Structure formats: structure tokens, C-alpha cells
PDB file of N, CA and C in Angstrom:
ATOM      1  N   MET A   1     101.537  75.609 119.721  1.00  0.00           N
ATOM      2  CA  MET A   1     100.446  75.650 118.798  1.00  0.00           C
ATOM      3  C   MET A   1     100.964  76.151 117.445  1.00  0.00           C
ATOM      4  N   TRP A   2     100.448  75.577 116.390  1.00  0.00           N
ATOM      5  CA  TRP A   2     100.835  75.945 115.039  1.00  0.00           C
ATOM      6  C   TRP A   2      99.801  76.886 114.425  1.00  0.00           C
ATOM      7  N   LEU A   3     100.270  77.819 113.617  1.00  0.00           N
ATOM      8  CA  LEU A   3      99.397  78.602 112.750  1.00  0.00           C
ATOM      9  C   LEU A   3      99.534  77.962 111.378  1.00  0.00           C
ATOM     10  N   LYS A   4      98.412  77.553 110.799  1.00  0.00           N
ATOM     11  CA  LYS A   4      98.431  76.888 109.501  1.00  0.00           C
ATOM     12  C   LYS A   4      97.503  77.644 108.559  1.00  0.00           C
ATOM     13  N   LEU A   5      98.045  78.061 107.404  1.00  0.00           N
ATOM     14  CA  LEU A   5      97.275  78.800 106.411  1.00  0.00           C
ATOM     15  C   LEU A   5      97.449  78.145 105.049  1.00  0.00           C
ATOM     16  N   ASP A   6      96.374  78.067 104.289  1.00  0.00           N
ATOM     17  CA  ASP A   6      96.455  77.642 102.895  1.00  0.00           C
ATOM     18  C   ASP A   6      96.398  78.913 102.063  1.00  0.00           C
ATOM     19  N   LEU A   7      97.514  79.260 101.446  1.00  0.00           N
ATOM     20  CA  LEU A   7      97.640  80.503 100.695  1.00  0.00           C
ATOM     21  C   LEU A   7      97.669  80.180  99.204  1.00  0.00           C
ATOM     22  N   ASP A   8      96.492  80.081  98.617  1.00  0.00           N
ATOM     23  CA  ASP A   8      96.369  79.735  97.191  1.00  0.00           C
ATOM     24  C   ASP A   8      97.124  78.466  96.838  1.00  0.00           C
ATOM     25  N   GLY A   9      96.972  77.435  97.642  1.00  0.00           N
ATOM     26  CA  GLY A   9      97.586  76.148  97.351  1.00  0.00           C
ATOM     27  C   GLY A   9      98.947  75.923  97.989  1.00  0.00           C
ATOM     28  N   ILE A  10      99.516  76.947  98.604  1.00  0.00           N
ATOM     29  CA  ILE A  10     100.763  76.792  99.351  1.00  0.00           C
ATOM     30  C   ILE A  10     100.392  76.750 100.826  1.00  0.00           C
ATOM     31  N   VAL A  11     100.712  75.641 101.478  1.00  0.00           N
ATOM     32  CA  VAL A  11     100.391  75.492 102.894  1.00  0.00           C
ATOM     33  C   VAL A  11     101.556  76.050 103.702  1.00  0.00           C
ATOM     34  N   PHE A  12     101.269  77.100 104.456  1.00  0.00           N
ATOM     35  CA  PHE A  12     102.252  77.778 105.304  1.00  0.00           C
ATOM     36  C   PHE A  12     101.934  77.429 106.751  1.00  0.00           C
ATOM     37  N   GLN A  13     102.935  76.915 107.481  1.00  0.00           N
ATOM     38  CA  GLN A  13     102.768  76.595 108.899  1.00  0.00           C
ATOM     39  C   GLN A  13     103.917  77.225 109.675  1.00  0.00           C
ATOM     40  N   ILE A  14     103.584  77.780 110.830  1.00  0.00           N
ATOM     41  CA  ILE A  14     104.620  78.377 111.672  1.00  0.00           C
ATOM     42  C   ILE A  14     104.273  78.127 113.135  1.00  0.00           C
ATOM     43  N   GLN A  15     105.299  77.838 113.916  1.00  0.00           N
ATOM     44  CA  GLN A  15     105.150  77.653 115.359  1.00  0.00           C
ATOM     45  C   GLN A  15     106.281  78.432 116.036  1.00  0.00           C
ATOM     46  N   ILE A  16     105.915  79.230 117.027  1.00  0.00           N
ATOM     47  CA  ILE A  16     106.874  80.048 117.770  1.00  0.00           C
ATOM     48  C   ILE A  16     106.927  79.528 119.199  1.00  0.00           C
ATOM     49  N   SER A  17     108.132  79.361 119.722  1.00  0.00           N
ATOM     50  CA  SER A  17     108.274  78.986 121.129  1.00  0.00           C
ATOM     51  C   SER A  17     109.371  79.838 121.765  1.00  0.00           C
ATOM     52  N   GLY A  18     109.288  79.988 123.058  1.00  0.00           N
ATOM     53  CA  GLY A  18     110.274  80.779 123.786  1.00  0.00           C
ATOM     54  C   GLY A  18     110.060  82.269 123.673  1.00  0.00           C
ATOM     55  N   TYR A  19     108.840  82.671 123.314  1.00  0.00           N
ATOM     56  CA  TYR A  19     108.568  84.106 123.177  1.00  0.00           C
ATOM     57  C   TYR A  19     108.440  84.762 124.542  1.00  0.00           C
ATOM     58  N   GLN A  20     109.122  85.869 124.696  1.00  0.00           N
ATOM     59  CA  GLN A  20     108.953  86.762 125.839  1.00  0.00           C
ATOM     60  C   GLN A  20     109.007  88.170 125.287  1.00  0.00           C
ATOM     61  N   PRO A  21     108.217  89.095 125.820  1.00  0.00           N
ATOM     62  CA  PRO A  21     108.237  90.463 125.296  1.00  0.00           C
ATOM     63  C   PRO A  21     109.668  91.004 125.211  1.00  0.00           C
ATOM     64  N   SER A  22     109.924  91.723 124.147  1.00  0.00           N
ATOM     65  CA  SER A  22     111.269  92.206 123.866  1.00  0.00           C
ATOM     66  C   SER A  22     111.606  93.439 124.698  1.00  0.00           C
ATOM     67  N   PRO A  23     112.742  93.406 125.419  1.00  0.00           N
ATOM     68  CA  PRO A  23     113.179  94.607 126.129  1.00  0.00           C
ATOM     69  C   PRO A  23     113.710  95.631 125.127  1.00  0.00           C
ATOM     70  N   THR A  24     113.546  96.889 125.415  1.00  0.00           N
ATOM     71  CA  THR A  24     113.975  97.922 124.474  1.00  0.00           C
ATOM     72  C   THR A  24     115.490  98.010 124.354  1.00  0.00           C
ATOM     73  N   GLU A  25     116.228  97.669 125.400  1.00  0.00           N
ATOM     74  CA  GLU A  25     117.682  97.821 125.337  1.00  0.00           C
ATOM     75  C   GLU A  25     118.382  96.673 124.601  1.00  0.00           C
ATOM     76  N   ASN A  26     117.843  95.463 124.618  1.00  0.00           N
ATOM     77  CA  ASN A  26     118.486  94.322 123.956  1.00  0.00           C
ATOM     78  C   ASN A  26     117.578  93.701 122.897  1.00  0.00           C
ATOM     79  N   TRP A  27     116.822  94.514 122.193  1.00  0.00           N
ATOM     80  CA  TRP A  27     115.840  93.999 121.233  1.00  0.00           C
ATOM     81  C   TRP A  27     116.479  93.139 120.147  1.00  0.00           C
ATOM     82  N   ASP A  28     117.739  93.392 119.823  1.00  0.00           N
ATOM     83  CA  ASP A  28     118.372  92.688 118.713  1.00  0.00           C
ATOM     84  C   ASP A  28     119.087  91.399 119.123  1.00  0.00           C
ATOM     85  N   SER A  29     118.918  90.991 120.367  1.00  0.00           N
ATOM     86  CA  SER A  29     119.578  89.754 120.804  1.00  0.00           C
ATOM     87  C   SER A  29     118.612  88.737 121.403  1.00  0.00           C
ATOM     88  N   GLN A  30     117.327  89.022 121.381  1.00  0.00           N
ATOM     89  CA  GLN A  30     116.345  88.106 121.967  1.00  0.00           C
ATOM     90  C   GLN A  30     115.587  87.392 120.852  1.00  0.00           C
ATOM     91  N   TRP A  31     115.974  86.142 120.632  1.00  0.00           N
ATOM     92  CA  TRP A  31     115.419  85.334 119.552  1.00  0.00           C
ATOM     93  C   TRP A  31     114.379  84.347 120.072  1.00  0.00           C
ATOM     94  N   CYS A  32     113.463  83.960 119.208  1.00  0.00           N
ATOM     95  CA  CYS A  32     112.485  82.911 119.503  1.00  0.00           C
ATOM     96  C   CYS A  32     112.863  81.665 118.709  1.00  0.00           C
ATOM     97  N   ARG A  33     112.501  80.516 119.242  1.00  0.00           N
ATOM     98  CA  ARG A  33     112.660  79.265 118.506  1.00  0.00           C
ATOM     99  C   ARG A  33     111.483  79.175 117.536  1.00  0.00           C
ATOM    100  N   THR A  34     111.779  78.894 116.289  1.00  0.00           N
ATOM    101  CA  THR A  34     110.750  78.891 115.254  1.00  0.00           C
ATOM    102  C   THR A  34     110.823  77.602 114.443  1.00  0.00           C
ATOM    103  N   SER A  35     109.659  77.023 114.223  1.00  0.00           N
ATOM    104  CA  SER A  35     109.516  75.931 113.258  1.00  0.00           C
ATOM    105  C   SER A  35     108.602  76.458 112.165  1.00  0.00           C
ATOM    106  N   LEU A  36     108.959  76.157 110.923  1.00  0.00           N
ATOM    107  CA  LEU A  36     108.242  76.738 109.809  1.00  0.00           C
ATOM    108  C   LEU A  36     108.261  75.769 108.636  1.00  0.00           C
ATOM    109  N   SER A  37     107.165  75.712 107.895  1.00  0.00           N
ATOM    110  CA  SER A  37     107.166  74.903 106.679  1.00  0.00           C
ATOM    111  C   SER A  37     106.306  75.568 105.615  1.00  0.00           C
ATOM    112  N   LEU A  38     106.728  75.361 104.382  1.00  0.00           N
ATOM    113  CA  LEU A  38     105.983  75.774 103.193  1.00  0.00           C
ATOM    114  C   LEU A  38     105.903  74.546 102.297  1.00  0.00           C
ATOM    115  N   ALA A  39     104.703  74.187 101.871  1.00  0.00           N
ATOM    116  CA  ALA A  39     104.552  72.989 101.045  1.00  0.00           C
ATOM    117  C   ALA A  39     103.461  73.206 100.004  1.00  0.00           C
ATOM    118  N   SER A  40     103.703  72.677  98.810  1.00  0.00           N
ATOM    119  CA  SER A  40     102.705  72.711  97.748  1.00  0.00           C
ATOM    120  C   SER A  40     102.998  71.604  96.752  1.00  0.00           C
ATOM    121  N   LYS A  41     102.065  70.704  96.636  1.00  0.00           N
ATOM    122  CA  LYS A  41     102.163  69.576  95.704  1.00  0.00           C
ATOM    123  C   LYS A  41     103.563  68.993  95.710  1.00  0.00           C
ATOM    124  N   ASN A  42     104.157  68.797  94.524  1.00  0.00           N
ATOM    125  CA  ASN A  42     105.488  68.196  94.494  1.00  0.00           C
ATOM    126  C   ASN A  42     106.589  69.200  94.142  1.00  0.00           C
ATOM    127  N   TRP A  43     106.270  70.497  94.094  1.00  0.00           N
ATOM    128  CA  TRP A  43     107.280  71.477  93.710  1.00  0.00           C
ATOM    129  C   TRP A  43     107.831  72.284  94.876  1.00  0.00           C
ATOM    130  N   LEU A  44     107.200  72.229  96.046  1.00  0.00           N
ATOM    131  CA  LEU A  44     107.673  73.018  97.177  1.00  0.00           C
ATOM    132  C   LEU A  44     107.593  72.194  98.455  1.00  0.00           C
ATOM    133  N   ASN A  45     108.719  72.048  99.120  1.00  0.00           N
ATOM    134  CA  ASN A  45     108.773  71.341 100.397  1.00  0.00           C
ATOM    135  C   ASN A  45     109.929  71.930 101.203  1.00  0.00           C
ATOM    136  N   TYR A  46     109.653  73.026 101.907  1.00  0.00           N
ATOM    137  CA  TYR A  46     110.669  73.763 102.664  1.00  0.00           C
ATOM    138  C   TYR A  46     110.323  73.661 104.141  1.00  0.00           C
ATOM    139  N   MET A  47     111.290  73.264 104.966  1.00  0.00           N
ATOM    140  CA  MET A  47     111.005  73.105 106.389  1.00  0.00           C
ATOM    141  C   MET A  47     112.212  73.502 107.226  1.00  0.00           C
ATOM    142  N   ILE A  48     111.939  74.220 108.295  1.00  0.00           N
ATOM    143  CA  ILE A  48     112.938  74.570 109.303  1.00  0.00           C
ATOM    144  C   ILE A  48     112.343  74.155 110.640  1.00  0.00           C
ATOM    145  N   GLU A  49     113.137  73.466 111.457  1.00  0.00           N
ATOM    146  CA  GLU A  49     112.621  72.998 112.736  1.00  0.00           C
ATOM    147  C   GLU A  49     113.403  73.601 113.898  1.00  0.00           C
ATOM    148  N   ASN A  50     112.676  74.230 114.808  1.00  0.00           N
ATOM    149  CA  ASN A  50     113.190  74.682 116.103  1.00  0.00           C
ATOM    150  C   ASN A  50     114.522  75.441 115.985  1.00  0.00           C
ATOM    151  N   ASP A  51     114.512  76.489 115.194  1.00  0.00           N
ATOM    152  CA  ASP A  51     115.718  77.290 114.971  1.00  0.00           C
ATOM    153  C   ASP A  51     115.445  78.742 115.380  1.00  0.00           C
ATOM    154  N   GLU A  52     116.491  79.472 115.687  1.00  0.00           N
ATOM    155  CA  GLU A  52     116.357  80.888 116.044  1.00  0.00           C
ATOM    156  C   GLU A  52     116.309  81.706 114.759  1.00  0.00           C
ATOM    157  N   LEU A  53     115.082  81.958 114.273  1.00  0.00           N
ATOM    158  CA  LEU A  53     114.892  82.653 113.008  1.00  0.00           C
ATOM    159  C   LEU A  53     114.328  84.047 113.161  1.00  0.00           C
ATOM    160  N   LEU A  54     113.512  84.253 114.177  1.00  0.00           N
ATOM    161  CA  LEU A  54     112.830  85.533 114.330  1.00  0.00           C
ATOM    162  C   LEU A  54     113.091  86.120 115.715  1.00  0.00           C
ATOM    163  N   LEU A  55     113.318  87.436 115.732  1.00  0.00           N
ATOM    164  CA  LEU A  55     113.463  88.148 116.997  1.00  0.00           C
ATOM    165  C   LEU A  55     112.101  88.294 117.656  1.00  0.00           C
ATOM    166  N   THR A  56     112.095  88.421 118.981  1.00  0.00           N
ATOM    167  CA  THR A  56     110.814  88.594 119.672  1.00  0.00           C
ATOM    168  C   THR A  56     110.117  89.873 119.213  1.00  0.00           C
ATOM    169  N   CYS A  57     110.878  90.923 118.904  1.00  0.00           N
ATOM    170  CA  CYS A  57     110.250  92.158 118.425  1.00  0.00           C
ATOM    171  C   CYS A  57     109.619  91.946 117.045  1.00  0.00           C
ATOM    172  N   GLU A  58     110.187  91.059 116.212  1.00  0.00           N
ATOM    173  CA  GLU A  58     109.591  90.746 114.916  1.00  0.00           C
ATOM    174  C   GLU A  58     108.296  89.960 115.090  1.00  0.00           C
ATOM    175  N   ILE A  59     108.283  89.053 116.054  1.00  0.00           N
ATOM    176  CA  ILE A  59     107.063  88.296 116.349  1.00  0.00           C
ATOM    177  C   ILE A  59     105.974  89.245 116.816  1.00  0.00           C
ATOM    178  N   GLN A  60     106.334  90.176 117.679  1.00  0.00           N
ATOM    179  CA  GLN A  60     105.364  91.152 118.185  1.00  0.00           C
ATOM    180  C   GLN A  60     104.803  91.995 117.034  1.00  0.00           C
ATOM    181  N   THR A  61     105.664  92.461 116.141  1.00  0.00           N
ATOM    182  CA  THR A  61     105.219  93.244 114.990  1.00  0.00           C
ATOM    183  C   THR A  61     104.329  92.411 114.073  1.00  0.00           C
ATOM    184  N   LEU A  62     104.709  91.166 113.834  1.00  0.00           N
ATOM    185  CA  LEU A  62     103.915  90.281 112.985  1.00  0.00           C
ATOM    186  C   LEU A  62     102.540  90.030 113.597  1.00  0.00           C
ATOM    187  N   ALA A  63     102.484  89.736 114.883  1.00  0.00           N
ATOM    188  CA  ALA A  63     101.200  89.481 115.556  1.00  0.00           C
ATOM    189  C   ALA A  63     100.293  90.711 115.494  1.00  0.00           C
ATOM    190  N   GLU A  64     100.854  91.883 115.764  1.00  0.00           N
ATOM    191  CA  GLU A  64     100.064  93.124 115.713  1.00  0.00           C
ATOM    192  C   GLU A  64      99.573  93.398 114.291  1.00  0.00           C
ATOM    193  N   SER A  65     100.426  93.143 113.313  1.00  0.00           N
ATOM    194  CA  SER A  65     100.056  93.390 111.913  1.00  0.00           C
ATOM    195  C   SER A  65      98.997  92.415 111.433  1.00  0.00           C
ATOM    196  N   LEU A  66      99.095  91.146 111.830  1.00  0.00           N
ATOM    197  CA  LEU A  66      98.062  90.175 111.453  1.00  0.00           C
ATOM    198  C   LEU A  66      96.723  90.534 112.087  1.00  0.00           C
ATOM    199  N   GLN A  67      96.742  90.996 113.320  1.00  0.00           N
ATOM    200  CA  GLN A  67      95.508  91.429 113.985  1.00  0.00           C
ATOM    201  C   GLN A  67      94.904  92.618 113.242  1.00  0.00           C
ATOM    202  N   LYS A  68      95.742  93.552 112.857  1.00  0.00           N
ATOM    203  CA  LYS A  68      95.275  94.726 112.110  1.00  0.00           C
ATOM    204  C   LYS A  68      94.710  94.306 110.755  1.00  0.00           C
ATOM    205  N   LEU A  69      95.372  93.372 110.079  1.00  0.00           N
ATOM    206  CA  LEU A  69      94.890  92.878 108.790  1.00  0.00           C
ATOM    207  C   LEU A  69      93.523  92.220 108.938  1.00  0.00           C
ATOM    208  N   LEU A  70      93.363  91.387 109.967  1.00  0.00           N
ATOM    209  CA  LEU A  70      92.086  90.703 110.194  1.00  0.00           C
ATOM    210  C   LEU A  70      90.958  91.669 110.543  1.00  0.00           C
ATOM    211  N   ASN A  71      91.302  92.829 111.078  1.00  0.00           N
ATOM    212  CA  ASN A  71      90.305  93.844 111.433  1.00  0.00           C
ATOM    213  C   ASN A  71      90.172  94.926 110.361  1.00  0.00           C
ATOM    214  N   ASP A  72      90.620  94.614 109.138  1.00  0.00           N
ATOM    215  CA  ASP A  72      90.554  95.542 108.008  1.00  0.00           C
ATOM    216  C   ASP A  72      91.243  96.872 108.302  1.00  0.00           C
ATOM    217  N   GLY A  73      92.384  96.804 108.977  1.00  0.00           N
ATOM    218  CA  GLY A  73      93.102  98.018 109.356  1.00  0.00           C
ATOM    219  C   GLY A  73      94.100  98.514 108.335  1.00  0.00           C
ATOM    220  N   PHE A  74      94.297  97.784 107.239  1.00  0.00           N
ATOM    221  CA  PHE A  74      95.241  98.214 106.210  1.00  0.00           C
ATOM    222  C   PHE A  74      94.483  98.656 104.961  1.00  0.00           C
ATOM    223  N   ASN A  75      94.958  99.729 104.349  1.00  0.00           N
ATOM    224  CA  ASN A  75      94.393 100.192 103.078  1.00  0.00           C
ATOM    225  C   ASN A  75      95.315  99.891 101.911  1.00  0.00           C
ATOM    226  N   GLU A  76      96.552  99.521 102.208  1.00  0.00           N
ATOM    227  CA  GLU A  76      97.513  99.210 101.154  1.00  0.00           C
ATOM    228  C   GLU A  76      98.374  98.030 101.588  1.00  0.00           C
ATOM    229  N   ILE A  77      99.088  97.471 100.632  1.00  0.00           N
ATOM    230  CA  ILE A  77      99.958  96.330 100.906  1.00  0.00           C
ATOM    231  C   ILE A  77     101.013  96.745 101.924  1.00  0.00           C
ATOM    232  N   THR A  78     101.237  95.888 102.925  1.00  0.00           N
ATOM    233  CA  THR A  78     102.196  96.170 103.984  1.00  0.00           C
ATOM    234  C   THR A  78     103.249  95.076 104.020  1.00  0.00           C
ATOM    235  N   GLU A  79     104.516  95.475 104.054  1.00  0.00           N
ATOM    236  CA  GLU A  79     105.614  94.515 104.117  1.00  0.00           C
ATOM    237  C   GLU A  79     106.263  94.556 105.488  1.00  0.00           C
ATOM    238  N   ILE A  80     106.546  93.375 106.025  1.00  0.00           N
ATOM    239  CA  ILE A  80     107.256  93.245 107.296  1.00  0.00           C
ATOM    240  C   ILE A  80     108.552  92.517 106.993  1.00  0.00           C
ATOM    241  N   GLU A  81     109.651  93.239 107.063  1.00  0.00           N
ATOM    242  CA  GLU A  81     110.953  92.642 106.791  1.00  0.00           C
ATOM    243  C   GLU A  81     111.592  92.213 108.097  1.00  0.00           C
ATOM    244  N   CYS A  82     112.358  91.133 108.028  1.00  0.00           N
ATOM    245  CA  CYS A  82     113.012  90.570 109.201  1.00  0.00           C
ATOM    246  C   CYS A  82     114.529  90.671 109.061  1.00  0.00           C
ATOM    247  N   ILE A  83     115.213  90.534 110.168  1.00  0.00           N
ATOM    248  CA  ILE A  83     116.674  90.566 110.129  1.00  0.00           C
ATOM    249  C   ILE A  83     117.213  89.412 109.295  1.00  0.00           C
ATOM    250  N   GLU A  84     116.619  88.222 109.474  1.00  0.00           N
ATOM    251  CA  GLU A  84     117.001  87.082 108.636  1.00  0.00           C
ATOM    252  C   GLU A  84     116.562  87.400 107.211  1.00  0.00           C
ATOM    253  N   PRO A  85     117.465  87.393 106.252  1.00  0.00           N
ATOM    254  CA  PRO A  85     117.110  87.832 104.895  1.00  0.00           C
ATOM    255  C   PRO A  85     116.143  86.910 104.164  1.00  0.00           C
ATOM    256  N   ASP A  86     115.932  85.699 104.661  1.00  0.00           N
ATOM    257  CA  ASP A  86     115.027  84.770 103.987  1.00  0.00           C
ATOM    258  C   ASP A  86     113.554  85.093 104.222  1.00  0.00           C
ATOM    259  N   PHE A  87     113.255  85.982 105.167  1.00  0.00           N
ATOM    260  CA  PHE A  87     111.867  86.189 105.552  1.00  0.00           C
ATOM    261  C   PHE A  87     111.408  87.619 105.330  1.00  0.00           C
ATOM    262  N   LYS A  88     110.283  87.706 104.635  1.00  0.00           N
ATOM    263  CA  LYS A  88     109.557  88.956 104.479  1.00  0.00           C
ATOM    264  C   LYS A  88     108.089  88.561 104.414  1.00  0.00           C
ATOM    265  N   PHE A  89     107.276  89.192 105.209  1.00  0.00           N
ATOM    266  CA  PHE A  89     105.842  88.930 105.208  1.00  0.00           C
ATOM    267  C   PHE A  89     105.173  90.079 104.465  1.00  0.00           C
ATOM    268  N   ILE A  90     104.370  89.752 103.456  1.00  0.00           N
ATOM    269  CA  ILE A  90     103.669  90.762 102.667  1.00  0.00           C
ATOM    270  C   ILE A  90     102.179  90.555 102.906  1.00  0.00           C
ATOM    271  N   LEU A  91     101.543  91.551 103.498  1.00  0.00           N
ATOM    272  CA  LEU A  91     100.133  91.460 103.868  1.00  0.00           C
ATOM    273  C   LEU A  91      99.299  92.291 102.898  1.00  0.00           C
ATOM    274  N   HIS A  92      98.307  91.653 102.301  1.00  0.00           N
ATOM    275  CA  HIS A  92      97.434  92.309 101.336  1.00  0.00           C
ATOM    276  C   HIS A  92      96.069  92.552 101.975  1.00  0.00           C
ATOM    277  N   PRO A  93      95.605  93.794 101.996  1.00  0.00           N
ATOM    278  CA  PRO A  93      94.270  94.052 102.549  1.00  0.00           C
ATOM    279  C   PRO A  93      93.181  93.579 101.588  1.00  0.00           C
ATOM    280  N   LYS A  94      91.971  93.476 102.115  1.00  0.00           N
ATOM    281  CA  LYS A  94      90.849  93.164 101.239  1.00  0.00           C
ATOM    282  C   LYS A  94      90.761  94.249 100.180  1.00  0.00           C
ATOM    283  N   LYS A  95      90.356  93.850  98.997  1.00  0.00           N
ATOM    284  CA  LYS A  95      90.271  94.796  97.900  1.00  0.00           C
ATOM    285  C   LYS A  95      88.807  95.123  97.641  1.00  0.00           C
ATOM    286  N   ASP A  96      88.483  96.397  97.594  1.00  0.00           N
ATOM    287  CA  ASP A  96      87.137  96.851  97.285  1.00  0.00           C
ATOM    288  C   ASP A  96      87.008  96.908  95.763  1.00  0.00           C
ATOM    289  N   LEU A  97      86.335  95.937  95.188  1.00  0.00           N
ATOM    290  CA  LEU A  97      86.229  95.843  93.734  1.00  0.00           C
ATOM    291  C   LEU A  97      85.420  96.982  93.128  1.00  0.00           C
ATOM    292  N   ARG A  98      84.658  97.694  93.954  1.00  0.00           N
ATOM    293  CA  ARG A  98      83.897  98.832  93.432  1.00  0.00           C
ATOM    294  C   ARG A  98      84.832  99.930  92.927  1.00  0.00           C
ATOM    295  N   ASN A  99      86.072  99.945  93.445  1.00  0.00           N
ATOM    296  CA  ASN A  99      87.029 100.972  93.042  1.00  0.00           C
ATOM    297  C   ASN A  99      88.003 100.493  91.972  1.00  0.00           C
ATOM    298  N   ASP A 100      87.789  99.285  91.446  1.00  0.00           N
ATOM    299  CA  ASP A 100      88.683  98.718  90.442  1.00  0.00           C
ATOM    300  C   ASP A 100      88.061  98.902  89.059  1.00  0.00           C
ATOM    301  N   PRO A 101      88.735  99.642  88.168  1.00  0.00           N
ATOM    302  CA  PRO A 101      88.151  99.909  86.848  1.00  0.00           C
ATOM    303  C   PRO A 101      87.994  98.663  85.974  1.00  0.00           C
ATOM    304  N   ARG A 102      88.593  97.537  86.368  1.00  0.00           N
ATOM    305  CA  ARG A 102      88.450  96.307  85.590  1.00  0.00           C
ATOM    306  C   ARG A 102      87.088  95.647  85.813  1.00  0.00           C
ATOM    307  N   TYR A 103      86.333  96.092  86.800  1.00  0.00           N
ATOM    308  CA  TYR A 103      85.029  95.509  87.095  1.00  0.00           C
ATOM    309  C   TYR A 103      83.935  96.522  86.815  1.00  0.00           C
ATOM    310  N   ILE A 104      82.892  96.074  86.131  1.00  0.00           N
ATOM    311  CA  ILE A 104      81.773  96.957  85.805  1.00  0.00           C
ATOM    312  C   ILE A 104      80.745  96.954  86.927  1.00  0.00           C
ATOM    313  N   TYR A 105      80.507  95.796  87.516  1.00  0.00           N
ATOM    314  CA  TYR A 105      79.460  95.680  88.529  1.00  0.00           C
ATOM    315  C   TYR A 105      79.912  94.729  89.633  1.00  0.00           C
ATOM    316  N   VAL A 106      79.680  95.132  90.843  1.00  0.00           N
ATOM    317  CA  VAL A 106      79.948  94.280  91.996  1.00  0.00           C
ATOM    318  C   VAL A 106      78.638  94.151  92.746  1.00  0.00           C
ATOM    319  N   ARG A 107      78.150  92.927  92.857  1.00  0.00           N
ATOM    320  CA  ARG A 107      76.878  92.679  93.513  1.00  0.00           C
ATOM    321  C   ARG A 107      76.997  92.916  95.009  1.00  0.00           C
ATOM    322  N   GLU A 108      76.011  93.570  95.569  1.00  0.00           N
ATOM    323  CA  GLU A 108      75.967  93.803  97.010  1.00  0.00           C
ATOM    324  C   GLU A 108      75.663  92.486  97.711  1.00  0.00           C
ATOM    325  N   VAL A 109      76.352  92.239  98.798  1.00  0.00           N
ATOM    326  CA  VAL A 109      76.149  91.018  99.570  1.00  0.00           C
ATOM    327  C   VAL A 109      75.070  91.270 100.603  1.00  0.00           C
ATOM    328  N   MET A 110      74.104  90.355 100.688  1.00  0.00           N
ATOM    329  CA  MET A 110      73.050  90.489 101.664  1.00  0.00           C
ATOM    330  C   MET A 110      73.388  89.599 102.857  1.00  0.00           C
ATOM    331  N   LEU A 111      73.501  90.190 104.026  1.00  0.00           N
ATOM    332  CA  LEU A 111      73.779  89.426 105.238  1.00  0.00           C
ATOM    333  C   LEU A 111      72.484  89.027 105.897  1.00  0.00           C
ATOM    334  N   MET A 112      72.455  87.804 106.354  1.00  0.00           N
ATOM    335  CA  MET A 112      71.257  87.311 107.030  1.00  0.00           C
ATOM    336  C   MET A 112      71.625  86.951 108.459  1.00  0.00           C
ATOM    337  N   SER A 113      70.769  87.290 109.370  1.00  0.00           N
ATOM    338  CA  SER A 113      71.005  86.910 110.761  1.00  0.00           C
ATOM    339  C   SER A 113      69.899  85.952 111.186  1.00  0.00           C
ATOM    340  N   TYR A 114      70.258  85.066 112.064  1.00  0.00           N
ATOM    341  CA  TYR A 114      69.310  84.050 112.522  1.00  0.00           C
ATOM    342  C   TYR A 114      69.043  84.234 113.991  1.00  0.00           C
TER     343      TYR A 114
END
């Protein structure tokens, strides 16, 4: 299964295969097969297919961090660095505009239930 995100016009796709929980004694030798692509209009077309790019412990950290991000668990920008130098994931939490001095008024959102 692929994870596909549109990040401000850059389409990021990633697929992980061969994942097994990382043992504590050999954490640095257990790799997952990864396919990944980044694409945007005609200026970006980067693709890697079925290569050992991420350690299983990095996948575990990334999955836990994405879950935390989706549950509003971060208050500040969080970086996840990988052994492969080409990859760093930077997660930005939702920003509360009420605390930003550049905004004078933030309208309250009314939720409706049916």
C-alpha cells in the first residue's frame, strides 16, 4: 500500500515492504525495501524503486511520529533524521493563529453535528 500526500503542490508517495519490528541488538542492520517518489509539475521528478533506504527502527519512529502529529501531539516542529543522508522528515504541528502577533482576529469555527 502506498501513502500519498499532496504537500503544497509536491506529491509525495512512499511504500514500505519487508517491515518487521526492529530487534534491539541489530537495529542498525535491518532494512526495509522502500519505493518513494516526489513530483511537482515539470520541475521535480524524483523516484526510487524497491531499494533499502530506511531502517525498520526509522519506519517505526516515523509511523509513531505521524500518529502523534495527526493527534495534535506536537507543539513545535519535529525533525526525524535517517541514516541515509538524503532523508529527513520535518513535521509541522497545527499552528494556533490566536498566538501569532501577525493576526489581529481569528474567527471561531462553529462545528455542526448531524
